[in-house]
Amino acid sequence: KLTGENAAAPQLVKVGCDKAKAEEILDNIPEIKERQIVTRDDCVEITVHCDSDIREKLSKAFVGADVPLYMLKTATPTLEEIFLKIISGETDMNVSETSDRKVEQTETADISEENRGDEE
């Protein structure tokens, strides 16, 4: 089982059925808090929001209903989404973590400069 940040990340599903069939299957998974369903030409794309990783349940539900499962993965935020969370203050990073990173970067730069002097 997955834990950590990705456990509560949205799960993306692409299946080969119509919207009504997808909704019927999703209605039987109580862990789902929210869902968005988009109909494409030959499939349905679903974004599922819940508190835990339910990919296994999603897989069993669709395959058990004899629905082709084309894709099933945990969504990863884009660089833009991460940036927007940071500037809006929706991040767990505190000031000391940021300071530690700056110190580590400075120490790495100092070591690199020392090594260059040895090569001459």
C-alpha atoms as a PDB file:
ATOM      1  CA  LYS A   1       0.000   0.000   0.000  1.00  0.00           C
ATOM      2  CA  LEU A   2       1.162   3.506  -0.795  1.00  0.00           C
ATOM      3  CA  THR A   3       1.536   6.113   1.903  1.00  0.00           C
ATOM      4  CA  GLY A   4       2.780   9.659   2.031  1.00  0.00           C
ATOM      5  CA  GLU A   5       2.007  12.543  -0.285  1.00  0.00           C
ATOM      6  CA  ASN A   6       0.735  10.484  -3.226  1.00  0.00           C
ATOM      7  CA  ALA A   7      -1.722   8.498  -1.106  1.00  0.00           C
ATOM      8  CA  ALA A   8      -4.264  11.340  -1.199  1.00  0.00           C
ATOM      9  CA  ALA A   9      -3.400  12.541  -4.705  1.00  0.00           C
ATOM     10  CA  PRO A  10      -6.122  12.273  -7.340  1.00  0.00           C
ATOM     11  CA  GLN A  11      -6.216   9.042  -9.286  1.00  0.00           C
ATOM     12  CA  LEU A  12      -6.646   9.120 -13.048  1.00  0.00           C
ATOM     13  CA  VAL A  13      -8.543   6.383 -14.862  1.00  0.00           C
ATOM     14  CA  LYS A  14      -9.204   5.840 -18.554  1.00  0.00           C
ATOM     15  CA  VAL A  15     -11.701   3.101 -19.398  1.00  0.00           C
ATOM     16  CA  GLY A  16     -13.513   1.750 -22.451  1.00  0.00           C
ATOM     17  CA  CYS A  17     -17.166   2.277 -21.577  1.00  0.00           C
ATOM     18  CA  ASP A  18     -19.791   5.009 -21.584  1.00  0.00           C
ATOM     19  CA  LYS A  19     -20.281   7.589 -18.827  1.00  0.00           C
ATOM     20  CA  ALA A  20     -23.353   5.855 -17.375  1.00  0.00           C
ATOM     21  CA  LYS A  21     -21.505   2.534 -16.938  1.00  0.00           C
ATOM     22  CA  ALA A  22     -18.511   4.312 -15.351  1.00  0.00           C
ATOM     23  CA  GLU A  23     -20.781   6.136 -12.890  1.00  0.00           C
ATOM     24  CA  GLU A  24     -22.522   2.873 -11.994  1.00  0.00           C
ATOM     25  CA  ILE A  25     -19.174   1.241 -11.179  1.00  0.00           C
ATOM     26  CA  LEU A  26     -17.850   4.266  -9.251  1.00  0.00           C
ATOM     27  CA  ASP A  27     -21.039   4.444  -7.168  1.00  0.00           C
ATOM     28  CA  ASN A  28     -20.000   1.136  -5.560  1.00  0.00           C
ATOM     29  CA  ILE A  29     -16.698   2.499  -4.218  1.00  0.00           C
ATOM     30  CA  PRO A  30     -17.490   4.365  -0.968  1.00  0.00           C
ATOM     31  CA  GLU A  31     -13.969   5.817  -0.538  1.00  0.00           C
ATOM     32  CA  ILE A  32     -14.522   8.201  -3.466  1.00  0.00           C
ATOM     33  CA  LYS A  33     -15.208  11.716  -2.213  1.00  0.00           C
ATOM     34  CA  GLU A  34     -15.353  13.488  -5.563  1.00  0.00           C
ATOM     35  CA  ARG A  35     -15.070  12.550  -9.215  1.00  0.00           C
ATOM     36  CA  GLN A  36     -14.952  14.195 -12.619  1.00  0.00           C
ATOM     37  CA  ILE A  37     -15.858  12.223 -15.725  1.00  0.00           C
ATOM     38  CA  VAL A  38     -15.017  13.368 -19.248  1.00  0.00           C
ATOM     39  CA  THR A  39     -16.312  11.478 -22.283  1.00  0.00           C
ATOM     40  CA  ARG A  40     -13.889  11.105 -25.199  1.00  0.00           C
ATOM     41  CA  ASP A  41     -14.428   9.503 -28.610  1.00  0.00           C
ATOM     42  CA  ASP A  42     -13.816   5.902 -27.596  1.00  0.00           C
ATOM     43  CA  CYS A  43     -13.339   6.066 -23.817  1.00  0.00           C
ATOM     44  CA  VAL A  44     -14.123   7.813 -20.564  1.00  0.00           C
ATOM     45  CA  GLU A  45     -11.481   9.688 -18.543  1.00  0.00           C
ATOM     46  CA  ILE A  46     -12.107   9.876 -14.806  1.00  0.00           C
ATOM     47  CA  THR A  47     -10.397  11.833 -12.045  1.00  0.00           C
ATOM     48  CA  VAL A  48     -11.118  10.407  -8.599  1.00  0.00           C
ATOM     49  CA  HIS A  49     -10.450  12.208  -5.303  1.00  0.00           C
ATOM     50  CA  CYS A  50     -10.232  10.284  -2.033  1.00  0.00           C
ATOM     51  CA  ASP A  51      -8.166  10.101   1.169  1.00  0.00           C
ATOM     52  CA  SER A  52      -6.165   7.022   0.189  1.00  0.00           C
ATOM     53  CA  ASP A  53      -4.774   5.201  -2.816  1.00  0.00           C
ATOM     54  CA  ILE A  54      -7.656   3.135  -4.215  1.00  0.00           C
ATOM     55  CA  ARG A  55      -6.118   2.136  -7.540  1.00  0.00           C
ATOM     56  CA  GLU A  56      -6.448  -1.540  -6.664  1.00  0.00           C
ATOM     57  CA  LYS A  57     -10.173  -1.143  -5.932  1.00  0.00           C
ATOM     58  CA  LEU A  58     -10.679   0.857  -9.126  1.00  0.00           C
ATOM     59  CA  SER A  59      -8.883  -1.789 -11.156  1.00  0.00           C
ATOM     60  CA  LYS A  60     -10.878  -4.663  -9.676  1.00  0.00           C
ATOM     61  CA  ALA A  61     -14.160  -2.785 -10.101  1.00  0.00           C
ATOM     62  CA  PHE A  62     -13.700  -2.000 -13.799  1.00  0.00           C
ATOM     63  CA  VAL A  63     -12.079  -5.296 -14.768  1.00  0.00           C
ATOM     64  CA  GLY A  64     -14.699  -7.188 -12.737  1.00  0.00           C
ATOM     65  CA  ALA A  65     -17.418  -5.400 -14.732  1.00  0.00           C
ATOM     66  CA  ASP A  66     -15.666  -6.490 -17.963  1.00  0.00           C
ATOM     67  CA  VAL A  67     -14.716  -2.907 -18.816  1.00  0.00           C
ATOM     68  CA  PRO A  68     -11.352  -2.400 -20.573  1.00  0.00           C
ATOM     69  CA  LEU A  69      -8.947  -0.462 -18.361  1.00  0.00           C
ATOM     70  CA  TYR A  70      -6.640   1.686 -20.517  1.00  0.00           C
ATOM     71  CA  MET A  71      -4.908   3.736 -17.824  1.00  0.00           C
ATOM     72  CA  LEU A  72      -4.794   3.898 -14.047  1.00  0.00           C
ATOM     73  CA  LYS A  73      -2.304   6.126 -12.234  1.00  0.00           C
ATOM     74  CA  THR A  74      -1.892   8.627  -9.437  1.00  0.00           C
ATOM     75  CA  ALA A  75      -1.838  12.197 -10.666  1.00  0.00           C
ATOM     76  CA  THR A  76       1.370  14.128 -10.168  1.00  0.00           C
ATOM     77  CA  PRO A  77       1.188  17.913  -9.868  1.00  0.00           C
ATOM     78  CA  THR A  78       2.637  20.014 -12.654  1.00  0.00           C
ATOM     79  CA  LEU A  79       5.454  22.452 -11.981  1.00  0.00           C
ATOM     80  CA  GLU A  80       2.941  25.285 -12.314  1.00  0.00           C
ATOM     81  CA  GLU A  81       0.630  23.722  -9.692  1.00  0.00           C
ATOM     82  CA  ILE A  82       3.547  23.298  -7.279  1.00  0.00           C
ATOM     83  CA  PHE A  83       4.623  26.911  -7.847  1.00  0.00           C
ATOM     84  CA  LEU A  84       1.085  28.201  -7.235  1.00  0.00           C
ATOM     85  CA  LYS A  85       0.841  26.219  -3.977  1.00  0.00           C
ATOM     86  CA  ILE A  86       4.152  27.645  -2.771  1.00  0.00           C
ATOM     87  CA  ILE A  87       3.310  31.276  -3.528  1.00  0.00           C
ATOM     88  CA  SER A  88      -0.196  30.940  -2.085  1.00  0.00           C
ATOM     89  CA  GLY A  89       1.217  29.554   1.183  1.00  0.00           C
ATOM     90  CA  GLU A  90      -0.322  26.081   0.780  1.00  0.00           C
ATOM     91  CA  THR A  91       2.886  24.233   1.536  1.00  0.00           C
ATOM     92  CA  ASP A  92       4.251  22.345   4.515  1.00  0.00           C
ATOM     93  CA  MET A  93       7.770  23.657   3.937  1.00  0.00           C
ATOM     94  CA  ASN A  94       8.892  25.837   6.817  1.00  0.00           C
ATOM     95  CA  VAL A  95      11.592  28.481   6.944  1.00  0.00           C
ATOM     96  CA  SER A  96      14.192  26.254   8.604  1.00  0.00           C
ATOM     97  CA  GLU A  97      13.930  23.651   5.806  1.00  0.00           C
ATOM     98  CA  THR A  98      14.494  26.390   3.224  1.00  0.00           C
ATOM     99  CA  SER A  99      17.469  27.738   5.181  1.00  0.00           C
ATOM    100  CA  ASP A 100      18.984  24.246   5.492  1.00  0.00           C
ATOM    101  CA  ARG A 101      18.810  23.827   1.725  1.00  0.00           C
ATOM    102  CA  LYS A 102      20.579  27.167   1.160  1.00  0.00           C
ATOM    103  CA  VAL A 103      23.348  26.186   3.588  1.00  0.00           C
ATOM    104  CA  GLU A 104      23.740  22.800   1.892  1.00  0.00           C
ATOM    105  CA  GLN A 105      23.968  24.460  -1.541  1.00  0.00           C
ATOM    106  CA  THR A 106      26.588  26.932  -0.254  1.00  0.00           C
ATOM    107  CA  GLU A 107      28.695  24.152   1.280  1.00  0.00           C
ATOM    108  CA  THR A 108      28.569  22.206  -1.989  1.00  0.00           C
ATOM    109  CA  ALA A 109      29.705  25.271  -3.920  1.00  0.00           C
ATOM    110  CA  ASP A 110      32.593  25.861  -1.463  1.00  0.00           C
ATOM    111  CA  ILE A 111      33.814  22.273  -1.808  1.00  0.00           C
ATOM    112  CA  SER A 112      33.718  22.534  -5.602  1.00  0.00           C
ATOM    113  CA  GLU A 113      35.829  25.709  -5.523  1.00  0.00           C
ATOM    114  CA  GLU A 114      38.389  24.033  -3.225  1.00  0.00           C
ATOM    115  CA  ASN A 115      38.707  21.093  -5.637  1.00  0.00           C
ATOM    116  CA  ARG A 116      39.380  23.409  -8.552  1.00  0.00           C
ATOM    117  CA  GLY A 117      42.394  24.837  -6.708  1.00  0.00           C
ATOM    118  CA  ASP A 118      43.845  21.326  -6.241  1.00  0.00           C
ATOM    119  CA  GLU A 119      43.743  20.621  -9.990  1.00  0.00           C
ATOM    120  CA  GLU A 120      46.095  23.498 -10.905  1.00  0.00           C
END
